[in-house]
């Protein structure tokens, strides 16, 4: 069975750094800062912030592909 051509193309949409995971991390961080949750939640907040920031998709430069 052959895969559709649309599945073989690279994704070209751009996602900003402010996504759902980043917002969850910021919310948990504020909860710790305002003493609403335990400081142990900082571990989870940092994981959310790092995974949210690292999940950006950027458009690949056509010049770099052809070189």
PDB file of N, CA and C in Angstrom:
ATOM      1  N   UNK A   1       0.843  -1.175   0.000  1.00  0.00           N
ATOM      2  CA  UNK A   1       0.000   0.000   0.000  1.00  0.00           C
ATOM      3  C   UNK A   1       0.894   1.247   0.000  1.00  0.00           C
ATOM      4  N   UNK A   2       0.614   2.144  -0.894  1.00  0.00           N
ATOM      5  CA  UNK A   2       1.408   3.365  -1.022  1.00  0.00           C
ATOM      6  C   UNK A   2       0.814   4.471  -0.151  1.00  0.00           C
ATOM      7  N   UNK A   3       1.721   5.196   0.528  1.00  0.00           N
ATOM      8  CA  UNK A   3       1.279   6.314   1.365  1.00  0.00           C
ATOM      9  C   UNK A   3       0.928   7.516   0.490  1.00  0.00           C
ATOM     10  N   UNK A   4      -0.049   8.309   0.912  1.00  0.00           N
ATOM     11  CA  UNK A   4      -0.375   9.518   0.157  1.00  0.00           C
ATOM     12  C   UNK A   4       0.808  10.488   0.122  1.00  0.00           C
ATOM     13  N   UNK A   5       0.907  11.264  -0.926  1.00  0.00           N
ATOM     14  CA  UNK A   5       2.003  12.220  -1.075  1.00  0.00           C
ATOM     15  C   UNK A   5       2.000  13.276   0.028  1.00  0.00           C
ATOM     16  N   UNK A   6       0.837  13.607   0.539  1.00  0.00           N
ATOM     17  CA  UNK A   6       0.769  14.631   1.588  1.00  0.00           C
ATOM     18  C   UNK A   6       1.457  14.165   2.869  1.00  0.00           C
ATOM     19  N   UNK A   7       1.577  12.872   3.092  1.00  0.00           N
ATOM     20  CA  UNK A   7       2.237  12.354   4.290  1.00  0.00           C
ATOM     21  C   UNK A   7       3.755  12.423   4.164  1.00  0.00           C
ATOM     22  N   UNK A   8       4.259  12.476   2.937  1.00  0.00           N
ATOM     23  CA  UNK A   8       5.698  12.493   2.718  1.00  0.00           C
ATOM     24  C   UNK A   8       6.279  13.902   2.778  1.00  0.00           C
ATOM     25  N   UNK A   9       5.450  14.904   2.615  1.00  0.00           N
ATOM     26  CA  UNK A   9       5.934  16.287   2.662  1.00  0.00           C
ATOM     27  C   UNK A   9       6.217  16.714   4.089  1.00  0.00           C
ATOM     28  N   UNK A  10       7.175  17.591   4.234  1.00  0.00           N
ATOM     29  CA  UNK A  10       7.526  18.110   5.549  1.00  0.00           C
ATOM     30  C   UNK A  10       6.511  19.173   5.969  1.00  0.00           C
ATOM     31  N   UNK A  11       6.233  19.216   7.246  1.00  0.00           N
ATOM     32  CA  UNK A  11       5.312  20.216   7.764  1.00  0.00           C
ATOM     33  C   UNK A  11       5.914  21.605   7.600  1.00  0.00           C
ATOM     34  N   UNK A  12       5.102  22.548   7.164  1.00  0.00           N
ATOM     35  CA  UNK A  12       5.640  23.881   6.908  1.00  0.00           C
ATOM     36  C   UNK A  12       4.965  24.963   7.756  1.00  0.00           C
ATOM     37  N   UNK A  13       4.115  24.574   8.680  1.00  0.00           N
ATOM     38  CA  UNK A  13       3.489  25.605   9.502  1.00  0.00           C
ATOM     39  C   UNK A  13       4.391  25.974  10.667  1.00  0.00           C
ATOM     40  N   UNK A  14       4.255  27.202  11.127  1.00  0.00           N
ATOM     41  CA  UNK A  14       5.099  27.708  12.218  1.00  0.00           C
ATOM     42  C   UNK A  14       4.250  27.852  13.473  1.00  0.00           C
ATOM     43  N   UNK A  15       4.783  27.350  14.574  1.00  0.00           N
ATOM     44  CA  UNK A  15       4.107  27.423  15.856  1.00  0.00           C
ATOM     45  C   UNK A  15       4.905  28.357  16.757  1.00  0.00           C
ATOM     46  N   UNK A  16       4.230  29.260  17.436  1.00  0.00           N
ATOM     47  CA  UNK A  16       4.908  30.182  18.333  1.00  0.00           C
ATOM     48  C   UNK A  16       5.346  29.469  19.609  1.00  0.00           C
ATOM     49  N   UNK A  17       6.253  30.103  20.335  1.00  0.00           N
ATOM     50  CA  UNK A  17       6.767  29.513  21.578  1.00  0.00           C
ATOM     51  C   UNK A  17       5.708  29.503  22.674  1.00  0.00           C
ATOM     52  N   UNK A  18       4.680  30.309  22.539  1.00  0.00           N
ATOM     53  CA  UNK A  18       3.634  30.379  23.554  1.00  0.00           C
ATOM     54  C   UNK A  18       2.523  29.399  23.175  1.00  0.00           C
ATOM     55  N   UNK A  19       2.684  28.151  23.586  1.00  0.00           N
ATOM     56  CA  UNK A  19       1.684  27.139  23.284  1.00  0.00           C
ATOM     57  C   UNK A  19       1.090  26.608  24.590  1.00  0.00           C
ATOM     58  N   UNK A  20       0.316  25.543  24.516  1.00  0.00           N
ATOM     59  CA  UNK A  20      -0.410  25.046  25.682  1.00  0.00           C
ATOM     60  C   UNK A  20       0.529  24.588  26.791  1.00  0.00           C
ATOM     61  N   UNK A  21       1.579  23.858  26.433  1.00  0.00           N
ATOM     62  CA  UNK A  21       2.506  23.371  27.454  1.00  0.00           C
ATOM     63  C   UNK A  21       3.228  24.519  28.152  1.00  0.00           C
ATOM     64  N   UNK A  22       3.591  25.532  27.391  1.00  0.00           N
ATOM     65  CA  UNK A  22       4.259  26.689  27.992  1.00  0.00           C
ATOM     66  C   UNK A  22       3.314  27.427  28.940  1.00  0.00           C
ATOM     67  N   UNK A  23       2.064  27.579  28.546  1.00  0.00           N
ATOM     68  CA  UNK A  23       1.099  28.256  29.421  1.00  0.00           C
ATOM     69  C   UNK A  23       0.833  27.476  30.697  1.00  0.00           C
ATOM     70  N   UNK A  24       0.810  26.139  30.606  1.00  0.00           N
ATOM     71  CA  UNK A  24       0.645  25.323  31.810  1.00  0.00           C
ATOM     72  C   UNK A  24       1.848  25.511  32.730  1.00  0.00           C
ATOM     73  N   UNK A  25       3.047  25.519  32.152  1.00  0.00           N
ATOM     74  CA  UNK A  25       4.257  25.729  32.955  1.00  0.00           C
ATOM     75  C   UNK A  25       4.267  27.073  33.643  1.00  0.00           C
ATOM     76  N   UNK A  26       3.841  28.111  32.928  1.00  0.00           N
ATOM     77  CA  UNK A  26       3.781  29.453  33.530  1.00  0.00           C
ATOM     78  C   UNK A  26       2.739  29.492  34.642  1.00  0.00           C
ATOM     79  N   UNK A  27       1.610  28.837  34.437  1.00  0.00           N
ATOM     80  CA  UNK A  27       0.559  28.819  35.463  1.00  0.00           C
ATOM     81  C   UNK A  27       1.024  28.106  36.733  1.00  0.00           C
ATOM     82  N   UNK A  28       1.688  26.963  36.558  1.00  0.00           N
ATOM     83  CA  UNK A  28       2.190  26.236  37.730  1.00  0.00           C
ATOM     84  C   UNK A  28       3.285  27.045  38.424  1.00  0.00           C
ATOM     85  N   UNK A  29       4.120  27.706  37.656  1.00  0.00           N
ATOM     86  CA  UNK A  29       5.174  28.546  38.234  1.00  0.00           C
ATOM     87  C   UNK A  29       4.576  29.680  39.065  1.00  0.00           C
ATOM     88  N   UNK A  30       3.521  30.308  38.550  1.00  0.00           N
ATOM     89  CA  UNK A  30       2.849  31.366  39.314  1.00  0.00           C
ATOM     90  C   UNK A  30       2.201  30.800  40.574  1.00  0.00           C
ATOM     91  N   UNK A  31       1.665  29.586  40.483  1.00  0.00           N
ATOM     92  CA  UNK A  31       1.089  28.953  41.666  1.00  0.00           C
ATOM     93  C   UNK A  31       2.123  28.743  42.753  1.00  0.00           C
ATOM     94  N   UNK A  32       3.341  28.367  42.359  1.00  0.00           N
ATOM     95  CA  UNK A  32       4.420  28.199  43.340  1.00  0.00           C
ATOM     96  C   UNK A  32       4.844  29.558  43.891  1.00  0.00           C
ATOM     97  N   UNK A  33       4.948  30.559  43.018  1.00  0.00           N
ATOM     98  CA  UNK A  33       5.383  31.886  43.468  1.00  0.00           C
ATOM     99  C   UNK A  33       4.383  32.522  44.431  1.00  0.00           C
ATOM    100  N   UNK A  34       3.108  32.277  44.231  1.00  0.00           N
ATOM    101  CA  UNK A  34       2.074  32.837  45.106  1.00  0.00           C
ATOM    102  C   UNK A  34       1.778  31.946  46.306  1.00  0.00           C
ATOM    103  N   UNK A  35       2.576  30.872  46.460  1.00  0.00           N
ATOM    104  CA  UNK A  35       2.449  29.932  47.575  1.00  0.00           C
ATOM    105  C   UNK A  35       1.082  29.245  47.597  1.00  0.00           C
ATOM    106  N   UNK A  36       0.560  28.954  46.411  1.00  0.00           N
ATOM    107  CA  UNK A  36      -0.704  28.236  46.310  1.00  0.00           C
ATOM    108  C   UNK A  36      -0.492  26.733  46.201  1.00  0.00           C
ATOM    109  N   UNK A  37       0.662  26.328  45.692  1.00  0.00           N
ATOM    110  CA  UNK A  37       1.004  24.912  45.597  1.00  0.00           C
ATOM    111  C   UNK A  37       2.407  24.717  46.163  1.00  0.00           C
ATOM    112  N   UNK A  38       2.741  23.470  46.429  1.00  0.00           N
ATOM    113  CA  UNK A  38       4.028  23.121  47.028  1.00  0.00           C
ATOM    114  C   UNK A  38       5.180  23.425  46.068  1.00  0.00           C
ATOM    115  N   UNK A  39       6.343  23.777  46.608  1.00  0.00           N
ATOM    116  CA  UNK A  39       7.510  24.024  45.747  1.00  0.00           C
ATOM    117  C   UNK A  39       7.953  22.801  44.940  1.00  0.00           C
ATOM    118  N   UNK A  40       7.501  21.623  45.314  1.00  0.00           N
ATOM    119  CA  UNK A  40       7.817  20.435  44.532  1.00  0.00           C
ATOM    120  C   UNK A  40       7.254  20.525  43.120  1.00  0.00           C
ATOM    121  N   UNK A  41       6.271  21.346  42.922  1.00  0.00           N
ATOM    122  CA  UNK A  41       5.683  21.516  41.597  1.00  0.00           C
ATOM    123  C   UNK A  41       6.612  22.253  40.634  1.00  0.00           C
ATOM    124  N   UNK A  42       7.704  22.837  41.156  1.00  0.00           N
ATOM    125  CA  UNK A  42       8.673  23.497  40.283  1.00  0.00           C
ATOM    126  C   UNK A  42       9.302  22.516  39.292  1.00  0.00           C
ATOM    127  N   UNK A  43       9.462  21.265  39.724  1.00  0.00           N
ATOM    128  CA  UNK A  43      10.014  20.242  38.827  1.00  0.00           C
ATOM    129  C   UNK A  43       9.085  20.069  37.625  1.00  0.00           C
ATOM    130  N   UNK A  44       7.794  19.930  37.895  1.00  0.00           N
ATOM    131  CA  UNK A  44       6.826  19.767  36.816  1.00  0.00           C
ATOM    132  C   UNK A  44       6.716  21.032  35.975  1.00  0.00           C
ATOM    133  N   UNK A  45       6.779  22.190  36.616  1.00  0.00           N
ATOM    134  CA  UNK A  45       6.703  23.449  35.874  1.00  0.00           C
ATOM    135  C   UNK A  45       7.875  23.583  34.916  1.00  0.00           C
ATOM    136  N   UNK A  46       9.071  23.222  35.380  1.00  0.00           N
ATOM    137  CA  UNK A  46      10.232  23.320  34.496  1.00  0.00           C
ATOM    138  C   UNK A  46      10.127  22.345  33.339  1.00  0.00           C
ATOM    139  N   UNK A  47       9.602  21.149  33.581  1.00  0.00           N
ATOM    140  CA  UNK A  47       9.414  20.194  32.482  1.00  0.00           C
ATOM    141  C   UNK A  47       8.399  20.711  31.466  1.00  0.00           C
ATOM    142  N   UNK A  48       7.322  21.308  31.943  1.00  0.00           N
ATOM    143  CA  UNK A  48       6.333  21.886  31.030  1.00  0.00           C
ATOM    144  C   UNK A  48       6.925  23.023  30.204  1.00  0.00           C
ATOM    145  N   UNK A  49       7.691  23.885  30.853  1.00  0.00           N
ATOM    146  CA  UNK A  49       8.286  25.014  30.139  1.00  0.00           C
ATOM    147  C   UNK A  49       9.290  24.539  29.092  1.00  0.00           C
ATOM    148  N   UNK A  50      10.128  23.577  29.447  1.00  0.00           N
ATOM    149  CA  UNK A  50      11.119  23.078  28.497  1.00  0.00           C
ATOM    150  C   UNK A  50      10.479  22.330  27.335  1.00  0.00           C
ATOM    151  N   UNK A  51       9.484  21.508  27.623  1.00  0.00           N
ATOM    152  CA  UNK A  51       8.843  20.769  26.538  1.00  0.00           C
ATOM    153  C   UNK A  51       7.983  21.686  25.670  1.00  0.00           C
ATOM    154  N   UNK A  52       7.388  22.699  26.268  1.00  0.00           N
ATOM    155  CA  UNK A  52       6.607  23.650  25.478  1.00  0.00           C
ATOM    156  C   UNK A  52       7.470  24.493  24.573  1.00  0.00           C
ATOM    157  N   UNK A  53       8.615  24.901  25.076  1.00  0.00           N
ATOM    158  CA  UNK A  53       9.523  25.711  24.268  1.00  0.00           C
ATOM    159  C   UNK A  53      10.187  24.868  23.191  1.00  0.00           C
ATOM    160  N   UNK A  54      10.438  23.601  23.462  1.00  0.00           N
ATOM    161  CA  UNK A  54      11.118  22.740  22.504  1.00  0.00           C
ATOM    162  C   UNK A  54      10.214  22.154  21.439  1.00  0.00           C
ATOM    163  N   UNK A  55       8.920  22.389  21.531  1.00  0.00           N
ATOM    164  CA  UNK A  55       8.012  21.770  20.566  1.00  0.00           C
ATOM    165  C   UNK A  55       7.645  22.704  19.422  1.00  0.00           C
ATOM    166  N   UNK A  56       8.470  23.699  19.167  1.00  0.00           N
ATOM    167  CA  UNK A  56       8.208  24.609  18.063  1.00  0.00           C
ATOM    168  C   UNK A  56       8.549  23.933  16.733  1.00  0.00           C
ATOM    169  N   UNK A  57       7.788  24.234  15.717  1.00  0.00           N
ATOM    170  CA  UNK A  57       8.054  23.730  14.371  1.00  0.00           C
ATOM    171  C   UNK A  57       8.339  24.931  13.495  1.00  0.00           C
ATOM    172  N   UNK A  58       9.511  24.958  12.900  1.00  0.00           N
ATOM    173  CA  UNK A  58       9.872  26.081  12.053  1.00  0.00           C
ATOM    174  C   UNK A  58       9.962  25.633  10.604  1.00  0.00           C
ATOM    175  N   UNK A  59       9.668  26.542   9.720  1.00  0.00           N
ATOM    176  CA  UNK A  59       9.758  26.263   8.297  1.00  0.00           C
ATOM    177  C   UNK A  59      11.217  26.106   7.903  1.00  0.00           C
ATOM    178  N   UNK A  60      11.499  25.085   7.145  1.00  0.00           N
ATOM    179  CA  UNK A  60      12.859  24.843   6.696  1.00  0.00           C
ATOM    180  C   UNK A  60      13.194  25.788   5.554  1.00  0.00           C
ATOM    181  N   UNK A  61      14.403  26.296   5.553  1.00  0.00           N
ATOM    182  CA  UNK A  61      14.848  27.225   4.536  1.00  0.00           C
ATOM    183  C   UNK A  61      15.118  26.469   3.232  1.00  0.00           C
ATOM    184  N   UNK A  62      14.542  26.917   2.136  1.00  0.00           N
ATOM    185  CA  UNK A  62      14.744  26.246   0.849  1.00  0.00           C
ATOM    186  C   UNK A  62      16.182  26.341   0.376  1.00  0.00           C
ATOM    187  N   UNK A  63      16.888  27.418   0.736  1.00  0.00           N
ATOM    188  CA  UNK A  63      18.287  27.582   0.326  1.00  0.00           C
ATOM    189  C   UNK A  63      19.174  26.515   0.952  1.00  0.00           C
ATOM    190  N   UNK A  64      18.893  26.168   2.206  1.00  0.00           N
ATOM    191  CA  UNK A  64      19.714  25.176   2.892  1.00  0.00           C
ATOM    192  C   UNK A  64      19.446  23.762   2.378  1.00  0.00           C
ATOM    193  N   UNK A  65      18.245  23.517   1.877  1.00  0.00           N
ATOM    194  CA  UNK A  65      17.911  22.182   1.370  1.00  0.00           C
ATOM    195  C   UNK A  65      18.640  21.909   0.060  1.00  0.00           C
ATOM    196  N   UNK A  66      18.698  22.901  -0.800  1.00  0.00           N
ATOM    197  CA  UNK A  66      19.276  22.705  -2.125  1.00  0.00           C
ATOM    198  C   UNK A  66      20.796  22.701  -2.147  1.00  0.00           C
ATOM    199  N   UNK A  67      21.430  23.110  -1.060  1.00  0.00           N
ATOM    200  CA  UNK A  67      22.894  23.201  -1.032  1.00  0.00           C
ATOM    201  C   UNK A  67      23.518  21.853  -0.884  1.00  0.00           C
TER     202      UNK A  67
END
